[in-house]
Amino acid sequence: MSDPIPLQPRRDDTAADMRSLVQLGEAEPQPVPASAPAPTPDPVDEKEAALLSAALMEAGVETAADDQAAARAVASLDPATVAAVQRWIKAPRKTKPTTPASK
């Protein structure tokens, strides 16, 4: 009988992650995709944010940069929610808030 033929170890590159393949020289580094452009603000949301800021000013609330950011975040919600928040801001204030614990 003849001598057995030595077998080469089987190499399965499909099981390796891309970074390992690049380090082994088996693959080229993948290009880094460009970051997505920032979304442009919706004009309707900008208008609602301005209305919310105006309602806050009418209520006597001085708005800081954080308040403007919060107004923009609320303005991005659905129109019914924005309208409800505007109603709450414009509603007449009671002198003392009533809570279930104070009744």
N, C-alpha and C. Protein backbone atom coordinates (compact mmCIF):
# COMPACT_ATOMS: atom_id res chain seq x y z
N MET A 1 0.81 -1.17 0.00
CA MET A 1 0.00 0.00 0.00
C MET A 1 0.86 1.25 0.00
N SER A 2 0.37 2.26 -0.62
CA SER A 2 1.15 3.49 -0.68
C SER A 2 0.96 4.32 0.59
N ASP A 3 1.85 5.26 0.76
CA ASP A 3 1.77 6.13 1.94
C ASP A 3 0.53 7.03 1.83
N PRO A 4 -0.09 7.34 2.98
CA PRO A 4 -1.26 8.22 2.94
C PRO A 4 -0.86 9.63 2.51
N ILE A 5 -1.73 10.25 1.79
CA ILE A 5 -1.49 11.63 1.34
C ILE A 5 -1.90 12.57 2.47
N PRO A 6 -0.98 13.44 2.91
CA PRO A 6 -1.37 14.37 3.97
C PRO A 6 -2.40 15.37 3.45
N LEU A 7 -3.41 15.59 4.24
CA LEU A 7 -4.46 16.54 3.86
C LEU A 7 -4.15 17.91 4.44
N GLN A 8 -4.47 18.92 3.66
CA GLN A 8 -4.34 20.30 4.14
C GLN A 8 -5.50 20.59 5.09
N PRO A 9 -5.22 21.33 6.15
CA PRO A 9 -6.34 21.67 7.04
C PRO A 9 -7.38 22.48 6.28
N ARG A 10 -8.60 22.18 6.53
CA ARG A 10 -9.68 22.89 5.86
C ARG A 10 -9.85 24.26 6.50
N ARG A 11 -9.93 25.26 5.67
CA ARG A 11 -10.05 26.63 6.16
C ARG A 11 -11.39 27.18 5.69
N ASP A 12 -12.17 27.61 6.64
CA ASP A 12 -13.49 28.16 6.32
C ASP A 12 -13.49 29.64 6.64
N ASP A 13 -13.26 30.47 5.61
CA ASP A 13 -13.23 31.92 5.81
C ASP A 13 -14.62 32.51 6.05
N THR A 14 -15.65 31.77 5.76
CA THR A 14 -16.99 32.31 5.96
C THR A 14 -17.34 32.44 7.43
N ALA A 15 -16.61 31.73 8.29
CA ALA A 15 -16.90 31.79 9.72
C ALA A 15 -16.17 32.94 10.40
N ALA A 16 -15.27 33.61 9.70
CA ALA A 16 -14.49 34.69 10.30
C ALA A 16 -15.22 36.02 10.13
N ASP A 17 -15.00 36.91 11.07
CA ASP A 17 -15.57 38.24 10.92
C ASP A 17 -14.65 39.06 10.01
N MET A 18 -15.15 40.17 9.50
CA MET A 18 -14.43 40.96 8.50
C MET A 18 -13.12 41.51 9.07
N ARG A 19 -13.11 41.94 10.33
CA ARG A 19 -11.88 42.49 10.90
C ARG A 19 -10.77 41.43 10.92
N SER A 20 -11.13 40.19 11.27
CA SER A 20 -10.13 39.11 11.28
C SER A 20 -9.62 38.84 9.87
N LEU A 21 -10.51 38.86 8.89
CA LEU A 21 -10.08 38.62 7.51
C LEU A 21 -9.14 39.72 7.03
N VAL A 22 -9.40 40.96 7.43
CA VAL A 22 -8.51 42.07 7.05
C VAL A 22 -7.16 41.89 7.72
N GLN A 23 -7.15 41.51 9.00
CA GLN A 23 -5.89 41.30 9.71
C GLN A 23 -5.09 40.15 9.11
N LEU A 24 -5.76 39.14 8.59
CA LEU A 24 -5.08 38.01 7.97
C LEU A 24 -4.65 38.32 6.54
N GLY A 25 -5.06 39.46 6.01
CA GLY A 25 -4.72 39.81 4.64
C GLY A 25 -5.59 39.12 3.62
N GLU A 26 -6.71 38.57 4.05
CA GLU A 26 -7.60 37.85 3.15
C GLU A 26 -8.67 38.75 2.53
N ALA A 27 -8.84 39.95 3.07
CA ALA A 27 -9.87 40.86 2.55
C ALA A 27 -9.37 42.28 2.70
N GLU A 28 -9.92 43.15 1.87
CA GLU A 28 -9.60 44.58 1.94
C GLU A 28 -10.48 45.23 3.01
N PRO A 29 -9.97 46.26 3.67
CA PRO A 29 -10.81 46.97 4.65
C PRO A 29 -12.04 47.56 3.96
N GLN A 30 -13.14 47.49 4.65
CA GLN A 30 -14.38 48.01 4.10
C GLN A 30 -14.42 49.53 4.26
N PRO A 31 -14.95 50.25 3.28
CA PRO A 31 -15.04 51.70 3.41
C PRO A 31 -16.04 52.08 4.49
N VAL A 32 -15.76 53.18 5.16
CA VAL A 32 -16.67 53.69 6.18
C VAL A 32 -17.71 54.55 5.48
N PRO A 33 -18.99 54.22 5.64
CA PRO A 33 -20.01 55.02 4.95
C PRO A 33 -20.09 56.43 5.54
N ALA A 34 -20.42 57.36 4.68
CA ALA A 34 -20.58 58.74 5.13
C ALA A 34 -21.79 58.82 6.05
N SER A 35 -21.70 59.70 7.03
CA SER A 35 -22.83 59.85 7.95
C SER A 35 -24.00 60.49 7.21
N ALA A 36 -25.18 60.13 7.63
CA ALA A 36 -26.38 60.66 7.00
C ALA A 36 -26.51 62.14 7.32
N PRO A 37 -26.97 62.93 6.37
CA PRO A 37 -27.15 64.35 6.65
C PRO A 37 -28.23 64.55 7.71
N ALA A 38 -28.07 65.60 8.47
CA ALA A 38 -29.06 65.89 9.51
C ALA A 38 -30.40 66.20 8.84
N PRO A 39 -31.48 65.68 9.40
CA PRO A 39 -32.78 65.95 8.78
C PRO A 39 -33.15 67.42 8.92
N THR A 40 -33.76 67.94 7.88
CA THR A 40 -34.21 69.33 7.95
C THR A 40 -35.48 69.38 8.79
N PRO A 41 -35.60 70.39 9.63
CA PRO A 41 -36.80 70.46 10.48
C PRO A 41 -38.04 70.71 9.63
N ASP A 42 -39.12 70.11 10.07
CA ASP A 42 -40.40 70.28 9.38
C ASP A 42 -40.90 71.70 9.64
N PRO A 43 -41.27 72.45 8.59
CA PRO A 43 -41.76 73.82 8.80
C PRO A 43 -42.97 73.88 9.72
N VAL A 44 -43.82 72.86 9.68
CA VAL A 44 -44.99 72.84 10.57
C VAL A 44 -44.53 72.74 12.02
N ASP A 45 -43.53 71.90 12.28
CA ASP A 45 -43.00 71.76 13.64
C ASP A 45 -42.36 73.06 14.10
N GLU A 46 -41.65 73.74 13.20
CA GLU A 46 -41.03 75.02 13.57
C GLU A 46 -42.10 76.05 13.93
N LYS A 47 -43.20 76.06 13.17
CA LYS A 47 -44.29 76.99 13.45
C LYS A 47 -44.92 76.67 14.81
N GLU A 48 -45.14 75.38 15.06
CA GLU A 48 -45.74 74.99 16.34
C GLU A 48 -44.80 75.28 17.50
N ALA A 49 -43.50 75.13 17.29
CA ALA A 49 -42.53 75.47 18.34
C ALA A 49 -42.58 76.96 18.64
N ALA A 50 -42.72 77.77 17.60
CA ALA A 50 -42.82 79.22 17.81
C ALA A 50 -44.11 79.56 18.56
N LEU A 51 -45.20 78.87 18.23
CA LEU A 51 -46.46 79.11 18.94
C LEU A 51 -46.36 78.69 20.40
N LEU A 52 -45.70 77.58 20.66
CA LEU A 52 -45.51 77.14 22.05
C LEU A 52 -44.65 78.14 22.82
N SER A 53 -43.60 78.63 22.20
CA SER A 53 -42.74 79.62 22.86
C SER A 53 -43.52 80.89 23.14
N ALA A 54 -44.36 81.30 22.18
CA ALA A 54 -45.17 82.50 22.38
C ALA A 54 -46.16 82.29 23.52
N ALA A 55 -46.76 81.10 23.60
CA ALA A 55 -47.69 80.81 24.68
C ALA A 55 -46.98 80.83 26.03
N LEU A 56 -45.76 80.33 26.07
CA LEU A 56 -44.99 80.38 27.32
C LEU A 56 -44.69 81.82 27.71
N MET A 57 -44.33 82.64 26.73
CA MET A 57 -44.03 84.05 27.03
C MET A 57 -45.28 84.77 27.52
N GLU A 58 -46.44 84.48 26.90
CA GLU A 58 -47.70 85.09 27.35
C GLU A 58 -48.03 84.67 28.77
N ALA A 59 -47.63 83.47 29.14
CA ALA A 59 -47.90 82.97 30.49
C ALA A 59 -46.89 83.50 31.50
N GLY A 60 -45.92 84.28 31.02
CA GLY A 60 -44.94 84.86 31.92
C GLY A 60 -43.74 83.98 32.19
N VAL A 61 -43.52 82.98 31.36
CA VAL A 61 -42.38 82.08 31.54
C VAL A 61 -41.24 82.58 30.66
N GLU A 62 -40.11 82.86 31.31
CA GLU A 62 -38.93 83.25 30.54
C GLU A 62 -38.30 81.98 29.98
N THR A 63 -38.13 81.94 28.68
CA THR A 63 -37.62 80.72 28.05
C THR A 63 -36.12 80.81 27.84
N ALA A 64 -35.43 79.78 28.30
CA ALA A 64 -33.99 79.65 28.09
C ALA A 64 -33.77 78.72 26.89
N ALA A 65 -32.52 78.45 26.58
CA ALA A 65 -32.20 77.57 25.45
C ALA A 65 -32.79 76.17 25.66
N ASP A 66 -32.74 75.67 26.90
CA ASP A 66 -33.32 74.36 27.19
C ASP A 66 -34.83 74.35 26.95
N ASP A 67 -35.47 75.47 27.30
CA ASP A 67 -36.92 75.57 27.09
C ASP A 67 -37.25 75.58 25.60
N GLN A 68 -36.42 76.25 24.81
CA GLN A 68 -36.64 76.27 23.36
C GLN A 68 -36.48 74.86 22.79
N ALA A 69 -35.49 74.12 23.28
CA ALA A 69 -35.29 72.74 22.82
C ALA A 69 -36.49 71.88 23.21
N ALA A 70 -37.02 72.10 24.41
CA ALA A 70 -38.19 71.34 24.85
C ALA A 70 -39.41 71.70 24.00
N ALA A 71 -39.55 72.98 23.66
CA ALA A 71 -40.67 73.40 22.82
C ALA A 71 -40.57 72.75 21.44
N ARG A 72 -39.36 72.65 20.89
CA ARG A 72 -39.18 71.99 19.59
C ARG A 72 -39.51 70.50 19.70
N ALA A 73 -39.14 69.88 20.81
CA ALA A 73 -39.43 68.45 21.00
C ALA A 73 -40.93 68.21 21.10
N VAL A 74 -41.62 69.07 21.85
CA VAL A 74 -43.08 68.93 21.97
C VAL A 74 -43.74 69.22 20.63
N ALA A 75 -43.22 70.20 19.89
CA ALA A 75 -43.80 70.55 18.59
C ALA A 75 -43.69 69.42 17.59
N SER A 76 -42.74 68.52 17.78
CA SER A 76 -42.59 67.41 16.84
C SER A 76 -43.63 66.31 17.09
N LEU A 77 -44.38 66.42 18.18
CA LEU A 77 -45.44 65.44 18.45
C LEU A 77 -46.63 65.72 17.54
N ASP A 78 -47.66 64.90 17.65
CA ASP A 78 -48.82 65.08 16.78
C ASP A 78 -49.54 66.39 17.11
N PRO A 79 -50.26 66.97 16.14
CA PRO A 79 -50.91 68.28 16.34
C PRO A 79 -51.88 68.31 17.51
N ALA A 80 -52.59 67.23 17.78
CA ALA A 80 -53.54 67.23 18.90
C ALA A 80 -52.81 67.39 20.23
N THR A 81 -51.66 66.77 20.37
CA THR A 81 -50.88 66.90 21.60
C THR A 81 -50.36 68.32 21.76
N VAL A 82 -49.88 68.90 20.66
CA VAL A 82 -49.37 70.27 20.71
C VAL A 82 -50.49 71.23 21.10
N ALA A 83 -51.68 71.03 20.53
CA ALA A 83 -52.81 71.89 20.86
C ALA A 83 -53.18 71.74 22.34
N ALA A 84 -53.13 70.52 22.87
CA ALA A 84 -53.45 70.31 24.28
C ALA A 84 -52.45 71.02 25.18
N VAL A 85 -51.17 70.95 24.84
CA VAL A 85 -50.15 71.62 25.64
C VAL A 85 -50.36 73.13 25.59
N GLN A 86 -50.69 73.66 24.42
CA GLN A 86 -50.96 75.10 24.32
C GLN A 86 -52.15 75.50 25.18
N ARG A 87 -53.20 74.67 25.20
CA ARG A 87 -54.36 74.96 26.06
C ARG A 87 -53.96 74.96 27.53
N TRP A 88 -53.12 74.00 27.92
CA TRP A 88 -52.70 73.92 29.32
C TRP A 88 -51.90 75.16 29.71
N ILE A 89 -51.06 75.61 28.80
CA ILE A 89 -50.24 76.79 29.11
C ILE A 89 -51.12 78.03 29.24
N LYS A 90 -52.12 78.16 28.37
CA LYS A 90 -52.96 79.36 28.35
C LYS A 90 -54.09 79.31 29.38
N ALA A 91 -54.32 78.17 30.01
CA ALA A 91 -55.41 78.04 30.98
C ALA A 91 -55.14 78.93 32.18
N PRO A 92 -56.20 79.56 32.73
CA PRO A 92 -56.00 80.38 33.92
C PRO A 92 -55.50 79.54 35.09
N ARG A 93 -54.60 80.11 35.83
CA ARG A 93 -53.99 79.39 36.95
C ARG A 93 -54.81 79.61 38.23
N LYS A 94 -54.90 78.54 39.00
CA LYS A 94 -55.49 78.66 40.33
C LYS A 94 -54.38 79.12 41.25
N THR A 95 -54.74 79.78 42.33
CA THR A 95 -53.71 80.27 43.24
C THR A 95 -52.99 79.13 43.94
N LYS A 96 -53.72 78.08 44.29
CA LYS A 96 -53.10 76.95 44.96
C LYS A 96 -53.50 75.68 44.22
N PRO A 97 -52.54 74.90 43.79
CA PRO A 97 -52.91 73.66 43.10
C PRO A 97 -53.62 72.71 44.04
N THR A 98 -54.65 72.06 43.52
CA THR A 98 -55.37 71.08 44.33
C THR A 98 -54.89 69.70 43.95
N THR A 99 -54.51 68.96 44.95
CA THR A 99 -54.09 67.58 44.75
C THR A 99 -54.96 66.70 45.62
N PRO A 100 -55.08 65.45 45.31
CA PRO A 100 -55.92 64.58 46.14
C PRO A 100 -55.48 64.55 47.60
N ALA A 101 -54.21 64.75 47.88
CA ALA A 101 -53.72 64.70 49.25
C ALA A 101 -54.13 65.94 50.04
N SER A 102 -54.35 67.09 49.36
CA SER A 102 -54.64 68.33 50.09
C SER A 102 -56.13 68.56 50.26
N LYS A 103 -57.00 67.72 49.72
CA LYS A 103 -58.44 67.92 49.85
C LYS A 103 -58.94 67.48 51.18
